[in-house]
Amino acid sequence: MAVPTSDATVPLQALPGFHRTLGEFQPLRQITGVVRSILYYDAQGDAGLPRGWVILGLGLAVACLFGFGVTRFYDRKGLHRNPADKEPQPVLARTQTYGPSSY
């Protein structure tokens, strides 16, 4: 999956069909396109800046909807996201002595 995201080194036109399709919507490729547009093309819209922002925004929206949806489903099922009520195991402290015998 690294080939479609390496838009800075491998152009999208040089990829096989499957990877070209993946490269159209993968976020890392879009981030690379946005950064390249800002650094090399003076943040012009023709260089892919608006398309990258739109796809990144859609990805963020989908991720948030999925996360909140799973959380709501989890809560409606009555499941709890609290840590277990088990008492933590005590940690035994090691005594340190200084001097020739501590080596």
PDB file of N, CA and C in Angstrom:
ATOM      1  N   MET A   1       0.811  -1.198   0.000  1.00  0.00           N
ATOM      2  CA  MET A   1       0.000   0.000   0.000  1.00  0.00           C
ATOM      3  C   MET A   1       0.857   1.266   0.000  1.00  0.00           C
ATOM      4  N   ALA A   2       2.156   1.119   0.131  1.00  0.00           N
ATOM      5  CA  ALA A   2       3.020   2.296   0.190  1.00  0.00           C
ATOM      6  C   ALA A   2       3.209   2.924  -1.177  1.00  0.00           C
ATOM      7  N   VAL A   3       3.065   2.132  -2.238  1.00  0.00           N
ATOM      8  CA  VAL A   3       3.314   2.670  -3.579  1.00  0.00           C
ATOM      9  C   VAL A   3       2.332   3.782  -3.937  1.00  0.00           C
ATOM     10  N   PRO A   4       1.010   3.627  -3.711  1.00  0.00           N
ATOM     11  CA  PRO A   4       0.116   4.717  -4.089  1.00  0.00           C
ATOM     12  C   PRO A   4       0.307   5.974  -3.257  1.00  0.00           C
ATOM     13  N   THR A   5       0.809   5.812  -2.045  1.00  0.00           N
ATOM     14  CA  THR A   5       0.971   6.994  -1.207  1.00  0.00           C
ATOM     15  C   THR A   5       2.274   7.715  -1.461  1.00  0.00           C
ATOM     16  N   SER A   6       3.166   7.126  -2.217  1.00  0.00           N
ATOM     17  CA  SER A   6       4.458   7.765  -2.469  1.00  0.00           C
ATOM     18  C   SER A   6       4.380   8.655  -3.709  1.00  0.00           C
ATOM     19  N   ASP A   7       3.417   9.537  -3.727  1.00  0.00           N
ATOM     20  CA  ASP A   7       3.199  10.409  -4.877  1.00  0.00           C
ATOM     21  C   ASP A   7       4.383  11.336  -5.118  1.00  0.00           C
ATOM     22  N   ALA A   8       5.175  11.561  -4.117  1.00  0.00           N
ATOM     23  CA  ALA A   8       6.320  12.441  -4.304  1.00  0.00           C
ATOM     24  C   ALA A   8       7.408  11.773  -5.133  1.00  0.00           C
ATOM     25  N   THR A   9       7.458  10.440  -5.153  1.00  0.00           N
ATOM     26  CA  THR A   9       8.497   9.755  -5.909  1.00  0.00           C
ATOM     27  C   THR A   9       7.957   8.991  -7.108  1.00  0.00           C
ATOM     28  N   VAL A  10       6.781   8.391  -6.982  1.00  0.00           N
ATOM     29  CA  VAL A  10       6.186   7.630  -8.080  1.00  0.00           C
ATOM     30  C   VAL A  10       4.916   8.348  -8.515  1.00  0.00           C
ATOM     31  N   PRO A  11       4.865   8.838  -9.736  1.00  0.00           N
ATOM     32  CA  PRO A  11       3.635   9.520 -10.164  1.00  0.00           C
ATOM     33  C   PRO A  11       2.475   8.539 -10.269  1.00  0.00           C
ATOM     34  N   LEU A  12       1.292   9.045 -10.076  1.00  0.00           N
ATOM     35  CA  LEU A  12       0.094   8.219 -10.077  1.00  0.00           C
ATOM     36  C   LEU A  12      -0.120   7.536 -11.423  1.00  0.00           C
ATOM     37  N   GLN A  13       0.297   8.160 -12.496  1.00  0.00           N
ATOM     38  CA  GLN A  13       0.116   7.594 -13.826  1.00  0.00           C
ATOM     39  C   GLN A  13       1.003   6.369 -14.062  1.00  0.00           C
ATOM     40  N   ALA A  14       2.059   6.205 -13.290  1.00  0.00           N
ATOM     41  CA  ALA A  14       2.975   5.086 -13.471  1.00  0.00           C
ATOM     42  C   ALA A  14       2.566   3.856 -12.671  1.00  0.00           C
ATOM     43  N   LEU A  15       1.498   3.928 -11.914  1.00  0.00           N
ATOM     44  CA  LEU A  15       1.071   2.816 -11.081  1.00  0.00           C
ATOM     45  C   LEU A  15       0.098   1.911 -11.816  1.00  0.00           C
ATOM     46  N   PRO A  16       0.034   0.635 -11.435  1.00  0.00           N
ATOM     47  CA  PRO A  16      -0.978  -0.250 -12.007  1.00  0.00           C
ATOM     48  C   PRO A  16      -2.380   0.198 -11.589  1.00  0.00           C
ATOM     49  N   GLY A  17      -3.385  -0.319 -12.260  1.00  0.00           N
ATOM     50  CA  GLY A  17      -4.765   0.127 -12.054  1.00  0.00           C
ATOM     51  C   GLY A  17      -5.260   0.044 -10.628  1.00  0.00           C
ATOM     52  N   PHE A  18      -4.987  -1.078  -9.940  1.00  0.00           N
ATOM     53  CA  PHE A  18      -5.464  -1.241  -8.572  1.00  0.00           C
ATOM     54  C   PHE A  18      -4.864  -0.188  -7.651  1.00  0.00           C
ATOM     55  N   HIS A  19      -3.560   0.006  -7.759  1.00  0.00           N
ATOM     56  CA  HIS A  19      -2.896   0.989  -6.905  1.00  0.00           C
ATOM     57  C   HIS A  19      -3.271   2.413  -7.297  1.00  0.00           C
ATOM     58  N   ARG A  20      -3.530   2.636  -8.552  1.00  0.00           N
ATOM     59  CA  ARG A  20      -3.965   3.964  -8.988  1.00  0.00           C
ATOM     60  C   ARG A  20      -5.320   4.299  -8.359  1.00  0.00           C
ATOM     61  N   THR A  21      -6.216   3.312  -8.310  1.00  0.00           N
ATOM     62  CA  THR A  21      -7.521   3.514  -7.686  1.00  0.00           C
ATOM     63  C   THR A  21      -7.377   3.801  -6.198  1.00  0.00           C
ATOM     64  N   LEU A  22      -6.502   3.048  -5.533  1.00  0.00           N
ATOM     65  CA  LEU A  22      -6.276   3.307  -4.109  1.00  0.00           C
ATOM     66  C   LEU A  22      -5.671   4.679  -3.876  1.00  0.00           C
ATOM     67  N   GLY A  23      -4.786   5.079  -4.750  1.00  0.00           N
ATOM     68  CA  GLY A  23      -4.117   6.362  -4.592  1.00  0.00           C
ATOM     69  C   GLY A  23      -5.034   7.555  -4.739  1.00  0.00           C
ATOM     70  N   GLU A  24      -6.202   7.366  -5.323  1.00  0.00           N
ATOM     71  CA  GLU A  24      -7.135   8.482  -5.497  1.00  0.00           C
ATOM     72  C   GLU A  24      -7.699   8.988  -4.171  1.00  0.00           C
ATOM     73  N   PHE A  25      -7.821   8.109  -3.189  1.00  0.00           N
ATOM     74  CA  PHE A  25      -8.477   8.546  -1.956  1.00  0.00           C
ATOM     75  C   PHE A  25      -7.660   8.309  -0.690  1.00  0.00           C
ATOM     76  N   GLN A  26      -6.469   7.755  -0.806  1.00  0.00           N
ATOM     77  CA  GLN A  26      -5.677   7.534   0.395  1.00  0.00           C
ATOM     78  C   GLN A  26      -5.218   8.862   0.990  1.00  0.00           C
ATOM     79  N   PRO A  27      -5.350   9.010   2.294  1.00  0.00           N
ATOM     80  CA  PRO A  27      -5.046  10.304   2.916  1.00  0.00           C
ATOM     81  C   PRO A  27      -3.592  10.732   2.804  1.00  0.00           C
ATOM     82  N   LEU A  28      -2.652   9.797   2.864  1.00  0.00           N
ATOM     83  CA  LEU A  28      -1.248  10.203   2.814  1.00  0.00           C
ATOM     84  C   LEU A  28      -0.896  10.806   1.463  1.00  0.00           C
ATOM     85  N   ARG A  29      -1.474  10.286   0.408  1.00  0.00           N
ATOM     86  CA  ARG A  29      -1.252  10.868  -0.915  1.00  0.00           C
ATOM     87  C   ARG A  29      -1.841  12.272  -0.991  1.00  0.00           C
ATOM     88  N   GLN A  30      -3.004  12.460  -0.395  1.00  0.00           N
ATOM     89  CA  GLN A  30      -3.627  13.782  -0.397  1.00  0.00           C
ATOM     90  C   GLN A  30      -2.802  14.781   0.416  1.00  0.00           C
ATOM     91  N   ILE A  31      -2.274  14.327   1.543  1.00  0.00           N
ATOM     92  CA  ILE A  31      -1.423  15.212   2.356  1.00  0.00           C
ATOM     93  C   ILE A  31      -0.180  15.597   1.573  1.00  0.00           C
ATOM     94  N   THR A  32       0.416  14.615   0.878  1.00  0.00           N
ATOM     95  CA  THR A  32       1.588  14.905   0.064  1.00  0.00           C
ATOM     96  C   THR A  32       1.255  15.917  -1.026  1.00  0.00           C
ATOM     97  N   GLY A  33       0.094  15.758  -1.663  1.00  0.00           N
ATOM     98  CA  GLY A  33      -0.320  16.697  -2.705  1.00  0.00           C
ATOM     99  C   GLY A  33      -0.534  18.103  -2.168  1.00  0.00           C
ATOM    100  N   VAL A  34      -1.145  18.206  -0.985  1.00  0.00           N
ATOM    101  CA  VAL A  34      -1.380  19.525  -0.380  1.00  0.00           C
ATOM    102  C   VAL A  34      -0.054  20.186  -0.019  1.00  0.00           C
ATOM    103  N   VAL A  35       0.855  19.434   0.588  1.00  0.00           N
ATOM    104  CA  VAL A  35       2.145  19.998   0.977  1.00  0.00           C
ATOM    105  C   VAL A  35       2.938  20.411  -0.259  1.00  0.00           C
ATOM    106  N   ARG A  36       2.917  19.578  -1.296  1.00  0.00           N
ATOM    107  CA  ARG A  36       3.626  19.923  -2.534  1.00  0.00           C
ATOM    108  C   ARG A  36       3.027  21.175  -3.169  1.00  0.00           C
ATOM    109  N   SER A  37       1.707  21.291  -3.126  1.00  0.00           N
ATOM    110  CA  SER A  37       1.056  22.477  -3.678  1.00  0.00           C
ATOM    111  C   SER A  37       1.468  23.741  -2.927  1.00  0.00           C
ATOM    112  N   ILE A  38       1.572  23.627  -1.624  1.00  0.00           N
ATOM    113  CA  ILE A  38       1.947  24.793  -0.813  1.00  0.00           C
ATOM    114  C   ILE A  38       3.421  25.146  -1.022  1.00  0.00           C
ATOM    115  N   LEU A  39       4.293  24.145  -0.998  1.00  0.00           N
ATOM    116  CA  LEU A  39       5.725  24.417  -1.065  1.00  0.00           C
ATOM    117  C   LEU A  39       6.212  24.816  -2.453  1.00  0.00           C
ATOM    118  N   TYR A  40       5.741  24.110  -3.474  1.00  0.00           N
ATOM    119  CA  TYR A  40       6.316  24.298  -4.800  1.00  0.00           C
ATOM    120  C   TYR A  40       5.470  25.144  -5.743  1.00  0.00           C
ATOM    121  N   TYR A  41       4.182  25.189  -5.520  1.00  0.00           N
ATOM    122  CA  TYR A  41       3.299  25.872  -6.470  1.00  0.00           C
ATOM    123  C   TYR A  41       2.583  27.073  -5.863  1.00  0.00           C
ATOM    124  N   ASP A  42       3.117  27.619  -4.788  1.00  0.00           N
ATOM    125  CA  ASP A  42       2.607  28.842  -4.180  1.00  0.00           C
ATOM    126  C   ASP A  42       1.135  28.720  -3.771  1.00  0.00           C
ATOM    127  N   ALA A  43       0.740  27.534  -3.315  1.00  0.00           N
ATOM    128  CA  ALA A  43      -0.609  27.243  -2.813  1.00  0.00           C
ATOM    129  C   ALA A  43      -1.686  27.588  -3.826  1.00  0.00           C
ATOM    130  N   GLN A  44      -1.458  27.241  -5.077  1.00  0.00           N
ATOM    131  CA  GLN A  44      -2.443  27.495  -6.122  1.00  0.00           C
ATOM    132  C   GLN A  44      -3.471  26.370  -6.151  1.00  0.00           C
ATOM    133  N   GLY A  45      -4.684  26.729  -6.518  1.00  0.00           N
ATOM    134  CA  GLY A  45      -5.752  25.748  -6.577  1.00  0.00           C
ATOM    135  C   GLY A  45      -5.551  24.723  -7.676  1.00  0.00           C
ATOM    136  N   ASP A  46      -4.903  25.098  -8.760  1.00  0.00           N
ATOM    137  CA  ASP A  46      -4.682  24.164  -9.874  1.00  0.00           C
ATOM    138  C   ASP A  46      -3.707  23.057  -9.509  1.00  0.00           C
ATOM    139  N   ALA A  47      -2.925  23.245  -8.481  1.00  0.00           N
ATOM    140  CA  ALA A  47      -1.924  22.254  -8.099  1.00  0.00           C
ATOM    141  C   ALA A  47      -2.485  21.187  -7.161  1.00  0.00           C
ATOM    142  N   GLY A  48      -3.763  21.192  -6.868  1.00  0.00           N
ATOM    143  CA  GLY A  48      -4.387  20.146  -6.062  1.00  0.00           C
ATOM    144  C   GLY A  48      -4.681  20.524  -4.633  1.00  0.00           C
ATOM    145  N   LEU A  49      -4.563  21.784  -4.286  1.00  0.00           N
ATOM    146  CA  LEU A  49      -4.804  22.191  -2.906  1.00  0.00           C
ATOM    147  C   LEU A  49      -6.258  22.004  -2.475  1.00  0.00           C
ATOM    148  N   PRO A  50      -7.250  22.482  -3.230  1.00  0.00           N
ATOM    149  CA  PRO A  50      -8.638  22.319  -2.768  1.00  0.00           C
ATOM    150  C   PRO A  50      -9.082  20.854  -2.711  1.00  0.00           C
ATOM    151  N   ARG A  51      -8.674  20.067  -3.700  1.00  0.00           N
ATOM    152  CA  ARG A  51      -9.071  18.659  -3.718  1.00  0.00           C
ATOM    153  C   ARG A  51      -8.509  17.931  -2.500  1.00  0.00           C
ATOM    154  N   GLY A  52      -7.272  18.222  -2.161  1.00  0.00           N
ATOM    155  CA  GLY A  52      -6.663  17.591  -0.993  1.00  0.00           C
ATOM    156  C   GLY A  52      -7.374  17.953   0.291  1.00  0.00           C
ATOM    157  N   TRP A  53      -7.702  19.232   0.462  1.00  0.00           N
ATOM    158  CA  TRP A  53      -8.411  19.652   1.671  1.00  0.00           C
ATOM    159  C   TRP A  53      -9.794  19.021   1.765  1.00  0.00           C
ATOM    160  N   VAL A  54     -10.482  18.936   0.629  1.00  0.00           N
ATOM    161  CA  VAL A  54     -11.830  18.349   0.637  1.00  0.00           C
ATOM    162  C   VAL A  54     -11.760  16.875   1.020  1.00  0.00           C
ATOM    163  N   ILE A  55     -10.845  16.142   0.421  1.00  0.00           N
ATOM    164  CA  ILE A  55     -10.751  14.710   0.725  1.00  0.00           C
ATOM    165  C   ILE A  55     -10.292  14.491   2.161  1.00  0.00           C
ATOM    166  N   LEU A  56      -9.374  15.302   2.645  1.00  0.00           N
ATOM    167  CA  LEU A  56      -8.956  15.178   4.037  1.00  0.00           C
ATOM    168  C   LEU A  56     -10.106  15.515   4.990  1.00  0.00           C
ATOM    169  N   GLY A  57     -10.899  16.528   4.658  1.00  0.00           N
ATOM    170  CA  GLY A  57     -12.062  16.864   5.475  1.00  0.00           C
ATOM    171  C   GLY A  57     -13.100  15.751   5.481  1.00  0.00           C
ATOM    172  N   LEU A  58     -13.331  15.148   4.306  1.00  0.00           N
ATOM    173  CA  LEU A  58     -14.271  14.029   4.243  1.00  0.00           C
ATOM    174  C   LEU A  58     -13.768  12.842   5.052  1.00  0.00           C
ATOM    175  N   GLY A  59     -12.479  12.579   4.985  1.00  0.00           N
ATOM    176  CA  GLY A  59     -11.907  11.490   5.777  1.00  0.00           C
ATOM    177  C   GLY A  59     -12.053  11.727   7.266  1.00  0.00           C
ATOM    178  N   LEU A  60     -11.827  12.960   7.690  1.00  0.00           N
ATOM    179  CA  LEU A  60     -12.001  13.294   9.103  1.00  0.00           C
ATOM    180  C   LEU A  60     -13.453  13.142   9.527  1.00  0.00           C
ATOM    181  N   ALA A  61     -14.383  13.593   8.677  1.00  0.00           N
ATOM    182  CA  ALA A  61     -15.804  13.475   9.003  1.00  0.00           C
ATOM    183  C   ALA A  61     -16.231  12.014   9.106  1.00  0.00           C
ATOM    184  N   VAL A  62     -15.774  11.184   8.172  1.00  0.00           N
ATOM    185  CA  VAL A  62     -16.126   9.763   8.209  1.00  0.00           C
ATOM    186  C   VAL A  62     -15.541   9.107   9.456  1.00  0.00           C
ATOM    187  N   ALA A  63     -14.305   9.431   9.799  1.00  0.00           N
ATOM    188  CA  ALA A  63     -13.680   8.854  10.988  1.00  0.00           C
ATOM    189  C   ALA A  63     -14.424   9.270  12.257  1.00  0.00           C
ATOM    190  N   CYS A  64     -14.825  10.535  12.345  1.00  0.00           N
ATOM    191  CA  CYS A  64     -15.564  10.998  13.523  1.00  0.00           C
ATOM    192  C   CYS A  64     -16.940  10.340  13.599  1.00  0.00           C
ATOM    193  N   LEU A  65     -17.646  10.256  12.478  1.00  0.00           N
ATOM    194  CA  LEU A  65     -18.956   9.606  12.473  1.00  0.00           C
ATOM    195  C   LEU A  65     -18.842   8.136  12.876  1.00  0.00           C
ATOM    196  N   PHE A  66     -17.840   7.458  12.361  1.00  0.00           N
ATOM    197  CA  PHE A  66     -17.646   6.054  12.728  1.00  0.00           C
ATOM    198  C   PHE A  66     -17.334   5.923  14.214  1.00  0.00           C
ATOM    199  N   GLY A  67     -16.441   6.750  14.726  1.00  0.00           N
ATOM    200  CA  GLY A  67     -16.074   6.686  16.140  1.00  0.00           C
ATOM    201  C   GLY A  67     -17.241   6.991  17.062  1.00  0.00           C
ATOM    202  N   PHE A  68     -17.978   8.065  16.756  1.00  0.00           N
ATOM    203  CA  PHE A  68     -19.135   8.398  17.588  1.00  0.00           C
ATOM    204  C   PHE A  68     -20.243   7.365  17.439  1.00  0.00           C
ATOM    205  N   GLY A  69     -20.391   6.797  16.246  1.00  0.00           N
ATOM    206  CA  GLY A  69     -21.399   5.756  16.039  1.00  0.00           C
ATOM    207  C   GLY A  69     -21.106   4.502  16.843  1.00  0.00           C
ATOM    208  N   VAL A  70     -19.848   4.076  16.841  1.00  0.00           N
ATOM    209  CA  VAL A  70     -19.475   2.898  17.620  1.00  0.00           C
ATOM    210  C   VAL A  70     -19.636   3.174  19.102  1.00  0.00           C
ATOM    211  N   THR A  71     -19.280   4.374  19.547  1.00  0.00           N
ATOM    212  CA  THR A  71     -19.448   4.721  20.953  1.00  0.00           C
ATOM    213  C   THR A  71     -20.912   4.714  21.347  1.00  0.00           C
ATOM    214  N   ARG A  72     -21.768   5.252  20.499  1.00  0.00           N
ATOM    215  CA  ARG A  72     -23.205   5.259  20.793  1.00  0.00           C
ATOM    216  C   ARG A  72     -23.758   3.841  20.830  1.00  0.00           C
ATOM    217  N   PHE A  73     -23.350   3.018  19.849  1.00  0.00           N
ATOM    218  CA  PHE A  73     -23.771   1.618  19.835  1.00  0.00           C
ATOM    219  C   PHE A  73     -23.335   0.913  21.111  1.00  0.00           C
ATOM    220  N   TYR A  74     -22.107   1.150  21.515  1.00  0.00           N
ATOM    221  CA  TYR A  74     -21.550   0.542  22.721  1.00  0.00           C
ATOM    222  C   TYR A  74     -22.365   0.956  23.944  1.00  0.00           C
ATOM    223  N   ASP A  75     -22.723   2.233  24.038  1.00  0.00           N
ATOM    224  CA  ASP A  75     -23.497   2.721  25.175  1.00  0.00           C
ATOM    225  C   ASP A  75     -24.932   2.197  25.156  1.00  0.00           C
ATOM    226  N   ARG A  76     -25.527   2.098  23.984  1.00  0.00           N
ATOM    227  CA  ARG A  76     -26.917   1.611  23.903  1.00  0.00           C
ATOM    228  C   ARG A  76     -27.027   0.140  24.243  1.00  0.00           C
ATOM    229  N   LYS A  77     -25.956  -0.621  24.011  1.00  0.00           N
ATOM    230  CA  LYS A  77     -25.952  -2.037  24.372  1.00  0.00           C
ATOM    231  C   LYS A  77     -25.780  -2.226  25.875  1.00  0.00           C
ATOM    232  N   GLY A  78     -25.471  -1.148  26.595  1.00  0.00           N
ATOM    233  CA  GLY A  78     -25.291  -1.239  28.033  1.00  0.00           C
ATOM    234  C   GLY A  78     -23.889  -1.659  28.442  1.00  0.00           C
ATOM    235  N   LEU A  79     -22.981  -1.645  27.498  1.00  0.00           N
ATOM    236  CA  LEU A  79     -21.604  -1.996  27.824  1.00  0.00           C
ATOM    237  C   LEU A  79     -20.920  -0.797  28.461  1.00  0.00           C
ATOM    238  N   HIS A  80     -19.925  -1.060  29.250  1.00  0.00           N
ATOM    239  CA  HIS A  80     -19.250   0.017  29.973  1.00  0.00           C
ATOM    240  C   HIS A  80     -17.829   0.170  29.459  1.00  0.00           C
ATOM    241  N   ARG A  81     -17.389   1.401  29.378  1.00  0.00           N
ATOM    242  CA  ARG A  81     -16.026   1.691  28.939  1.00  0.00           C
ATOM    243  C   ARG A  81     -15.126   1.994  30.119  1.00  0.00           C
ATOM    244  N   ASN A  82     -15.566   1.651  31.308  1.00  0.00           N
ATOM    245  CA  ASN A  82     -14.774   1.907  32.502  1.00  0.00           C
ATOM    246  C   ASN A  82     -13.745   0.804  32.678  1.00  0.00           C
ATOM    247  N   PRO A  83     -12.628   1.113  33.309  1.00  0.00           N
ATOM    248  CA  PRO A  83     -11.669   0.052  33.582  1.00  0.00           C
ATOM    249  C   PRO A  83     -12.245  -0.950  34.571  1.00  0.00           C
ATOM    250  N   ALA A  84     -11.684  -2.108  34.593  1.00  0.00           N
ATOM    251  CA  ALA A  84     -12.150  -3.153  35.503  1.00  0.00           C
ATOM    252  C   ALA A  84     -12.005  -2.687  36.944  1.00  0.00           C
ATOM    253  N   ASP A  85     -12.868  -3.213  37.803  1.00  0.00           N
ATOM    254  CA  ASP A  85     -12.856  -2.819  39.211  1.00  0.00           C
ATOM    255  C   ASP A  85     -11.839  -3.609  40.026  1.00  0.00           C
ATOM    256  N   LYS A  86     -10.964  -4.326  39.341  1.00  0.00           N
ATOM    257  CA  LYS A  86      -9.961  -5.096  40.063  1.00  0.00           C
ATOM    258  C   LYS A  86      -8.978  -4.162  40.750  1.00  0.00           C
ATOM    259  N   GLU A  87      -8.572  -4.608  41.907  1.00  0.00           N
ATOM    260  CA  GLU A  87      -7.560  -3.863  42.653  1.00  0.00           C
ATOM    261  C   GLU A  87      -6.206  -4.121  42.001  1.00  0.00           C
ATOM    262  N   PRO A  88      -5.424  -3.095  41.729  1.00  0.00           N
ATOM    263  CA  PRO A  88      -4.122  -3.331  41.092  1.00  0.00           C
ATOM    264  C   PRO A  88      -3.186  -4.100  42.017  1.00  0.00           C
ATOM    265  N   GLN A  89      -2.342  -4.897  41.405  1.00  0.00           N
ATOM    266  CA  GLN A  89      -1.372  -5.674  42.176  1.00  0.00           C
ATOM    267  C   GLN A  89      -0.333  -4.731  42.762  1.00  0.00           C
ATOM    268  N   PRO A  90       0.029  -4.932  44.020  1.00  0.00           N
ATOM    269  CA  PRO A  90       1.053  -4.066  44.606  1.00  0.00           C
ATOM    270  C   PRO A  90       2.416  -4.341  43.973  1.00  0.00           C
ATOM    271  N   VAL A  91       3.162  -3.297  43.807  1.00  0.00           N
ATOM    272  CA  VAL A  91       4.508  -3.406  43.249  1.00  0.00           C
ATOM    273  C   VAL A  91       5.482  -3.479  44.408  1.00  0.00           C
ATOM    274  N   LEU A  92       6.283  -4.503  44.380  1.00  0.00           N
ATOM    275  CA  LEU A  92       7.256  -4.658  45.451  1.00  0.00           C
ATOM    276  C   LEU A  92       8.425  -3.726  45.205  1.00  0.00           C
ATOM    277  N   ALA A  93       8.732  -2.930  46.197  1.00  0.00           N
ATOM    278  CA  ALA A  93       9.839  -1.979  46.063  1.00  0.00           C
ATOM    279  C   ALA A  93      11.146  -2.700  46.324  1.00  0.00           C
ATOM    280  N   ARG A  94      12.122  -2.380  45.514  1.00  0.00           N
ATOM    281  CA  ARG A  94      13.442  -2.949  45.666  1.00  0.00           C
ATOM    282  C   ARG A  94      14.293  -1.967  46.452  1.00  0.00           C
ATOM    283  N   THR A  95      14.958  -2.462  47.447  1.00  0.00           N
ATOM    284  CA  THR A  95      15.830  -1.568  48.217  1.00  0.00           C
ATOM    285  C   THR A  95      17.171  -1.484  47.528  1.00  0.00           C
ATOM    286  N   GLN A  96      17.686  -0.297  47.473  1.00  0.00           N
ATOM    287  CA  GLN A  96      18.981  -0.091  46.839  1.00  0.00           C
ATOM    288  C   GLN A  96      20.007   0.241  47.911  1.00  0.00           C
ATOM    289  N   THR A  97      21.129  -0.373  47.780  1.00  0.00           N
ATOM    290  CA  THR A  97      22.233  -0.043  48.655  1.00  0.00           C
ATOM    291  C   THR A  97      23.344   0.536  47.810  1.00  0.00           C
ATOM    292  N   TYR A  98      24.011   1.462  48.357  1.00  0.00           N
ATOM    293  CA  TYR A  98      25.099   2.116  47.630  1.00  0.00           C
ATOM    294  C   TYR A  98      26.423   1.696  48.246  1.00  0.00           C
ATOM    295  N   GLY A  99      27.375   1.525  47.422  1.00  0.00           N
ATOM    296  CA  GLY A  99      28.693   1.117  47.902  1.00  0.00           C
ATOM    297  C   GLY A  99      29.198  -0.055  47.085  1.00  0.00           C
ATOM    298  N   PRO A 100      30.265  -0.675  47.508  1.00  0.00           N
ATOM    299  CA  PRO A 100      30.858  -1.755  46.730  1.00  0.00           C
ATOM    300  C   PRO A 100      29.948  -2.970  46.624  1.00  0.00           C
ATOM    301  N   SER A 101      29.081  -3.199  47.566  1.00  0.00           N
ATOM    302  CA  SER A 101      28.250  -4.399  47.527  1.00  0.00           C
ATOM    303  C   SER A 101      27.078  -4.263  46.549  1.00  0.00           C
ATOM    304  N   SER A 102      26.786  -3.064  46.033  1.00  0.00           N
ATOM    305  CA  SER A 102      25.632  -2.894  45.142  1.00  0.00           C
ATOM    306  C   SER A 102      25.940  -3.250  43.703  1.00  0.00           C
ATOM    307  N   TYR A 103      27.173  -3.557  43.367  1.00  0.00           N
ATOM    308  CA  TYR A 103      27.542  -3.910  41.995  1.00  0.00           C
ATOM    309  C   TYR A 103      27.457  -5.354  41.858  1.00  0.00           C
TER     310      TYR A 103
END
